[in-house]
Every structure is written in structure tokens, then in C-alpha cells.
Protein backbone atom coordinates (compact mmCIF):
# COMPACT_ATOMS: atom_id res chain seq x y z
CA MET A 1 61.07 102.94 96.12
CA ILE A 2 63.38 99.98 95.63
CA HIS A 3 62.27 96.72 97.23
CA ILE A 4 65.10 94.57 98.55
CA PRO A 5 64.40 90.92 99.39
CA ALA A 6 64.18 90.11 103.11
CA VAL A 7 67.29 87.90 103.00
CA ASP A 8 69.34 90.74 101.54
CA GLN A 9 67.94 93.16 104.10
CA ALA A 10 68.89 90.81 106.92
CA PHE A 11 72.40 90.39 105.48
CA LEU A 12 72.87 94.15 105.13
CA LEU A 13 71.59 94.72 108.66
CA LEU A 14 74.02 92.14 110.07
CA LEU A 15 76.86 93.68 108.07
CA ILE A 16 76.08 97.17 109.39
CA VAL A 17 75.75 95.92 112.98
CA PHE A 18 79.05 94.03 112.67
CA CYS A 19 80.87 97.09 111.31
CA LEU A 20 79.47 99.41 113.97
CA GLY A 21 80.22 96.88 116.70
CA THR A 22 83.80 96.55 115.48
CA CYS A 23 84.21 100.33 115.52
CA VAL A 24 82.81 100.61 119.06
CA VAL A 25 85.04 97.81 120.35
CA ARG A 26 88.10 99.37 118.72
CA ALA A 27 87.29 102.78 120.18
CA PHE A 28 86.94 101.35 123.69
CA TRP A 29 90.16 99.37 123.19
CA GLU A 30 92.04 102.53 122.20
CA LEU A 31 90.65 104.41 125.21
CA GLU A 32 91.69 101.59 127.52
CA GLN A 33 95.21 101.58 126.06
CA VAL A 34 95.53 105.34 126.60
CA ARG A 35 94.23 105.02 130.17
CA ALA A 36 96.62 102.15 130.92
CA ARG A 37 99.58 104.15 129.58
CA ARG A 38 98.58 107.15 131.69
CA ILE A 39 98.28 105.10 134.89
CA ALA A 40 101.42 102.99 134.40
CA PRO A 41 104.51 104.32 136.20
CA PRO A 42 107.23 105.71 133.94
CA PRO A 43 110.02 103.26 133.15
CA ARG A 44 112.93 103.48 135.57
CA ARG A 45 116.29 104.48 134.19
CA ARG A 46 119.16 102.37 135.27
CA THR A 47 121.90 104.27 136.99
CA MET A 48 125.52 103.65 136.20
CA GLU A 49 126.41 103.47 139.90
CA ARG A 50 127.89 100.24 141.18
CA ASP A 51 127.96 99.24 144.83
């Protein structure tokens, strides 16, 4: 089995946690954007009528 120095293990662990955290945050951000688009009222079309 390959032995990796503790400093390298800590760096790799932080890198993995950072990447996974970024993915989770991005996934929640995308879900929130979809939910906000679904809840938002459709844009109103301007009518050509003049009073």
C-alpha cells in the first residue's frame, strides 16, 4: 500500500471537500433558480391599446 505524507493527505482531503461543497452549492443554486422561475408570474405583454 502506498503511504502518502500527512500534509499531502490533508491537502487532498481539503481539495475533495472543496470540490464536493462547490458541487452541492451549485446544485442547490440551480434548484433555487428553477423554483424562482416557476413561482414568478409570467411577464405581461403590453397591449397596443391607447386610452
